[in-house]
């Protein structure tokens, strides 16, 4: 069956909302962790890295963006590998499975050199790394919850 015209838009909106909710929840649970950025949007194409700080007085600086990298046909047996077979010359035969590769980008500011050219202090770098690592785990876990088919099957190695 062919995709509906709004299938990808619905998917990207769901992923954005789920990741943003997970970031907000983590901010409540982890002291010092910023929540979902005020600037959270679905973007066409590549993400512009232009909003890591808080230039407009928003509570949480940075940017969360979801975009589509590509859409391609796959098969039930080989998912998510791209199917390289021709589906049919006539009749508009869709592939057995349609895959959409999404990019989730979370931008946060990190310490940098001072006006005098001095590097940031180690404690500043450690705090930025802690935020980054927490963000990475939060986004990864959110996607496993948002997209249940991506979660490891029960009984797989490494399940707890």
C-alpha atoms as a PDB file:
ATOM      1  CA  UNK A   1       0.000   0.000   0.000  1.00  0.00           C
ATOM      2  CA  UNK A   2       1.294   3.449  -0.869  1.00  0.00           C
ATOM      3  CA  UNK A   3       1.946   5.947   1.913  1.00  0.00           C
ATOM      4  CA  UNK A   4      -0.619   8.621   2.621  1.00  0.00           C
ATOM      5  CA  UNK A   5       0.402  12.124   1.591  1.00  0.00           C
ATOM      6  CA  UNK A   6       0.803  13.181   5.243  1.00  0.00           C
ATOM      7  CA  UNK A   7       2.478  10.046   6.641  1.00  0.00           C
ATOM      8  CA  UNK A   8       5.968  11.545   6.900  1.00  0.00           C
ATOM      9  CA  UNK A   9       4.684  14.817   8.368  1.00  0.00           C
ATOM     10  CA  UNK A  10       2.824  12.879  11.042  1.00  0.00           C
ATOM     11  CA  UNK A  11       5.879  10.768  11.835  1.00  0.00           C
ATOM     12  CA  UNK A  12       8.196  13.761  12.182  1.00  0.00           C
ATOM     13  CA  UNK A  13       5.703  15.599  14.407  1.00  0.00           C
ATOM     14  CA  UNK A  14       5.366  12.547  16.655  1.00  0.00           C
ATOM     15  CA  UNK A  15       9.125  12.096  16.964  1.00  0.00           C
ATOM     16  CA  UNK A  16       9.679  15.797  17.724  1.00  0.00           C
ATOM     17  CA  UNK A  17       7.006  15.761  20.429  1.00  0.00           C
ATOM     18  CA  UNK A  18       8.272  12.556  21.994  1.00  0.00           C
ATOM     19  CA  UNK A  19      11.918  13.662  22.117  1.00  0.00           C
ATOM     20  CA  UNK A  20      10.963  17.084  23.489  1.00  0.00           C
ATOM     21  CA  UNK A  21       8.843  15.474  26.227  1.00  0.00           C
ATOM     22  CA  UNK A  22      11.719  13.147  27.145  1.00  0.00           C
ATOM     23  CA  UNK A  23      14.164  16.077  27.374  1.00  0.00           C
ATOM     24  CA  UNK A  24      11.726  17.972  29.610  1.00  0.00           C
ATOM     25  CA  UNK A  25      11.297  14.939  31.869  1.00  0.00           C
ATOM     26  CA  UNK A  26      15.054  14.422  32.135  1.00  0.00           C
ATOM     27  CA  UNK A  27      15.525  18.086  33.119  1.00  0.00           C
ATOM     28  CA  UNK A  28      13.230  17.500  36.089  1.00  0.00           C
ATOM     29  CA  UNK A  29      15.065  14.319  37.108  1.00  0.00           C
ATOM     30  CA  UNK A  30      18.693  15.446  36.569  1.00  0.00           C
ATOM     31  CA  UNK A  31      19.849  18.600  38.386  1.00  0.00           C
ATOM     32  CA  UNK A  32      21.417  21.163  36.054  1.00  0.00           C
ATOM     33  CA  UNK A  33      20.192  19.437  32.889  1.00  0.00           C
ATOM     34  CA  UNK A  34      18.471  21.801  30.440  1.00  0.00           C
ATOM     35  CA  UNK A  35      15.094  20.726  29.113  1.00  0.00           C
ATOM     36  CA  UNK A  36      13.694  20.801  25.631  1.00  0.00           C
ATOM     37  CA  UNK A  37      14.849  23.934  23.824  1.00  0.00           C
ATOM     38  CA  UNK A  38      12.222  26.602  23.196  1.00  0.00           C
ATOM     39  CA  UNK A  39      13.219  26.340  19.527  1.00  0.00           C
ATOM     40  CA  UNK A  40      11.999  22.854  18.596  1.00  0.00           C
ATOM     41  CA  UNK A  41      10.881  22.330  15.025  1.00  0.00           C
ATOM     42  CA  UNK A  42      10.644  20.161  11.971  1.00  0.00           C
ATOM     43  CA  UNK A  43      12.969  21.524   9.313  1.00  0.00           C
ATOM     44  CA  UNK A  44      13.301  20.921   5.591  1.00  0.00           C
ATOM     45  CA  UNK A  45      16.745  19.695   4.599  1.00  0.00           C
ATOM     46  CA  UNK A  46      19.902  20.343   6.564  1.00  0.00           C
ATOM     47  CA  UNK A  47      19.684  21.979   9.978  1.00  0.00           C
ATOM     48  CA  UNK A  48      21.085  25.514  10.275  1.00  0.00           C
ATOM     49  CA  UNK A  49      23.420  25.562  13.280  1.00  0.00           C
ATOM     50  CA  UNK A  50      22.451  29.069  14.265  1.00  0.00           C
ATOM     51  CA  UNK A  51      20.719  28.846  17.597  1.00  0.00           C
ATOM     52  CA  UNK A  52      22.683  27.249  20.417  1.00  0.00           C
ATOM     53  CA  UNK A  53      22.466  30.191  22.783  1.00  0.00           C
ATOM     54  CA  UNK A  54      19.554  32.175  24.165  1.00  0.00           C
ATOM     55  CA  UNK A  55      19.509  35.387  22.105  1.00  0.00           C
ATOM     56  CA  UNK A  56      15.790  36.014  22.515  1.00  0.00           C
ATOM     57  CA  UNK A  57      15.506  35.608  26.282  1.00  0.00           C
ATOM     58  CA  UNK A  58      13.986  32.141  26.073  1.00  0.00           C
ATOM     59  CA  UNK A  59      14.246  29.877  29.080  1.00  0.00           C
ATOM     60  CA  UNK A  60      16.086  27.018  27.402  1.00  0.00           C
ATOM     61  CA  UNK A  61      18.528  27.871  24.648  1.00  0.00           C
ATOM     62  CA  UNK A  62      19.571  25.553  21.905  1.00  0.00           C
ATOM     63  CA  UNK A  63      17.627  23.934  19.140  1.00  0.00           C
ATOM     64  CA  UNK A  64      15.919  20.586  18.625  1.00  0.00           C
ATOM     65  CA  UNK A  65      15.210  19.729  15.005  1.00  0.00           C
ATOM     66  CA  UNK A  66      13.796  16.748  13.143  1.00  0.00           C
ATOM     67  CA  UNK A  67      14.369  16.429   9.409  1.00  0.00           C
ATOM     68  CA  UNK A  68      14.093  13.748   6.756  1.00  0.00           C
ATOM     69  CA  UNK A  69      17.363  12.440   5.338  1.00  0.00           C
ATOM     70  CA  UNK A  70      15.779  10.106   2.789  1.00  0.00           C
ATOM     71  CA  UNK A  71      12.876   7.815   1.992  1.00  0.00           C
ATOM     72  CA  UNK A  72      13.374   4.446   0.317  1.00  0.00           C
ATOM     73  CA  UNK A  73      11.811   1.067  -0.333  1.00  0.00           C
ATOM     74  CA  UNK A  74      12.766  -1.968   1.718  1.00  0.00           C
ATOM     75  CA  UNK A  75      11.455  -5.471   2.396  1.00  0.00           C
ATOM     76  CA  UNK A  76      10.053  -7.239   5.446  1.00  0.00           C
ATOM     77  CA  UNK A  77      13.032  -9.604   5.583  1.00  0.00           C
ATOM     78  CA  UNK A  78      15.734  -7.026   4.932  1.00  0.00           C
ATOM     79  CA  UNK A  79      14.432  -3.953   6.762  1.00  0.00           C
ATOM     80  CA  UNK A  80      15.970  -1.368   7.010  1.00  0.00           C
ATOM     81  CA  UNK A  81      18.256  -2.231   4.087  1.00  0.00           C
ATOM     82  CA  UNK A  82      17.307  -0.459   0.876  1.00  0.00           C
ATOM     83  CA  UNK A  83      15.593  -2.747  -1.642  1.00  0.00           C
ATOM     84  CA  UNK A  84      17.208  -2.491  -5.052  1.00  0.00           C
ATOM     85  CA  UNK A  85      14.505  -4.323  -6.987  1.00  0.00           C
ATOM     86  CA  UNK A  86      12.132  -2.798  -9.494  1.00  0.00           C
ATOM     87  CA  UNK A  87       8.561  -3.123  -8.205  1.00  0.00           C
ATOM     88  CA  UNK A  88       6.877  -3.153 -11.565  1.00  0.00           C
ATOM     89  CA  UNK A  89       6.780  -1.168 -14.731  1.00  0.00           C
ATOM     90  CA  UNK A  90       3.056  -0.407 -14.544  1.00  0.00           C
ATOM     91  CA  UNK A  91       0.415  -0.097 -11.899  1.00  0.00           C
ATOM     92  CA  UNK A  92       2.329   2.036  -9.411  1.00  0.00           C
ATOM     93  CA  UNK A  93       3.315  -0.929  -7.244  1.00  0.00           C
ATOM     94  CA  UNK A  94       4.759   0.365  -3.958  1.00  0.00           C
ATOM     95  CA  UNK A  95       7.590  -1.487  -2.199  1.00  0.00           C
ATOM     96  CA  UNK A  96       6.568  -3.990   0.492  1.00  0.00           C
ATOM     97  CA  UNK A  97       7.987  -1.647   3.161  1.00  0.00           C
ATOM     98  CA  UNK A  98       8.780   2.052   2.989  1.00  0.00           C
ATOM     99  CA  UNK A  99      11.585   3.326   5.220  1.00  0.00           C
ATOM    100  CA  UNK A 100      12.128   6.929   6.247  1.00  0.00           C
ATOM    101  CA  UNK A 101      15.483   7.967   7.664  1.00  0.00           C
ATOM    102  CA  UNK A 102      15.020  10.810  10.138  1.00  0.00           C
ATOM    103  CA  UNK A 103      17.695  13.057  11.601  1.00  0.00           C
ATOM    104  CA  UNK A 104      17.204  14.281  15.149  1.00  0.00           C
ATOM    105  CA  UNK A 105      19.570  17.163  15.891  1.00  0.00           C
ATOM    106  CA  UNK A 106      19.947  18.708  19.337  1.00  0.00           C
ATOM    107  CA  UNK A 107      22.183  21.774  19.507  1.00  0.00           C
ATOM    108  CA  UNK A 108      23.455  23.168  22.795  1.00  0.00           C
ATOM    109  CA  UNK A 109      26.163  25.740  23.416  1.00  0.00           C
ATOM    110  CA  UNK A 110      29.511  24.550  24.721  1.00  0.00           C
ATOM    111  CA  UNK A 111      32.262  26.562  26.394  1.00  0.00           C
ATOM    112  CA  UNK A 112      34.836  28.075  24.083  1.00  0.00           C
ATOM    113  CA  UNK A 113      37.826  30.381  24.219  1.00  0.00           C
ATOM    114  CA  UNK A 114      37.556  33.678  26.097  1.00  0.00           C
ATOM    115  CA  UNK A 115      38.027  37.053  24.420  1.00  0.00           C
ATOM    116  CA  UNK A 116      41.687  36.882  25.509  1.00  0.00           C
ATOM    117  CA  UNK A 117      42.110  33.498  23.801  1.00  0.00           C
ATOM    118  CA  UNK A 118      42.155  31.413  26.976  1.00  0.00           C
ATOM    119  CA  UNK A 119      40.605  27.940  26.793  1.00  0.00           C
ATOM    120  CA  UNK A 120      37.558  27.087  28.910  1.00  0.00           C
ATOM    121  CA  UNK A 121      38.144  25.684  32.377  1.00  0.00           C
ATOM    122  CA  UNK A 122      38.039  21.924  32.837  1.00  0.00           C
ATOM    123  CA  UNK A 123      34.996  22.133  35.116  1.00  0.00           C
ATOM    124  CA  UNK A 124      33.105  24.016  32.358  1.00  0.00           C
ATOM    125  CA  UNK A 125      34.046  21.349  29.817  1.00  0.00           C
ATOM    126  CA  UNK A 126      33.058  18.577  32.227  1.00  0.00           C
ATOM    127  CA  UNK A 127      29.646  20.186  32.805  1.00  0.00           C
ATOM    128  CA  UNK A 128      29.088  20.554  29.047  1.00  0.00           C
ATOM    129  CA  UNK A 129      30.127  16.925  28.486  1.00  0.00           C
ATOM    130  CA  UNK A 130      27.719  15.760  31.210  1.00  0.00           C
ATOM    131  CA  UNK A 131      24.854  17.634  29.517  1.00  0.00           C
ATOM    132  CA  UNK A 132      25.836  16.187  26.125  1.00  0.00           C
ATOM    133  CA  UNK A 133      26.019  12.618  27.433  1.00  0.00           C
ATOM    134  CA  UNK A 134      22.675  12.943  29.225  1.00  0.00           C
ATOM    135  CA  UNK A 135      21.115  14.392  26.060  1.00  0.00           C
ATOM    136  CA  UNK A 136      22.478  11.505  23.980  1.00  0.00           C
ATOM    137  CA  UNK A 137      20.982   8.872  26.262  1.00  0.00           C
ATOM    138  CA  UNK A 138      17.696  10.756  26.569  1.00  0.00           C
ATOM    139  CA  UNK A 139      17.229  11.121  22.810  1.00  0.00           C
ATOM    140  CA  UNK A 140      18.215   7.501  22.173  1.00  0.00           C
ATOM    141  CA  UNK A 141      15.822   6.188  24.827  1.00  0.00           C
ATOM    142  CA  UNK A 142      13.033   8.462  23.591  1.00  0.00           C
ATOM    143  CA  UNK A 143      13.365   7.109  20.060  1.00  0.00           C
ATOM    144  CA  UNK A 144      13.152   3.542  21.356  1.00  0.00           C
ATOM    145  CA  UNK A 145       9.883   4.493  23.065  1.00  0.00           C
ATOM    146  CA  UNK A 146       8.532   6.623  20.193  1.00  0.00           C
ATOM    147  CA  UNK A 147       9.289   4.000  17.583  1.00  0.00           C
ATOM    148  CA  UNK A 148       8.564   0.669  19.309  1.00  0.00           C
ATOM    149  CA  UNK A 149       9.576  -1.398  16.289  1.00  0.00           C
ATOM    150  CA  UNK A 150      13.168  -0.231  16.821  1.00  0.00           C
ATOM    151  CA  UNK A 151      13.416  -1.677  20.329  1.00  0.00           C
ATOM    152  CA  UNK A 152      15.314  -4.942  20.747  1.00  0.00           C
ATOM    153  CA  UNK A 153      13.033  -7.975  20.786  1.00  0.00           C
ATOM    154  CA  UNK A 154      12.492  -9.654  24.149  1.00  0.00           C
ATOM    155  CA  UNK A 155      15.032 -12.293  24.974  1.00  0.00           C
ATOM    156  CA  UNK A 156      17.725 -10.716  22.817  1.00  0.00           C
ATOM    157  CA  UNK A 157      21.253 -10.588  24.108  1.00  0.00           C
ATOM    158  CA  UNK A 158      21.782  -7.617  26.374  1.00  0.00           C
ATOM    159  CA  UNK A 159      18.126  -7.253  27.438  1.00  0.00           C
ATOM    160  CA  UNK A 160      17.637  -6.770  31.138  1.00  0.00           C
END
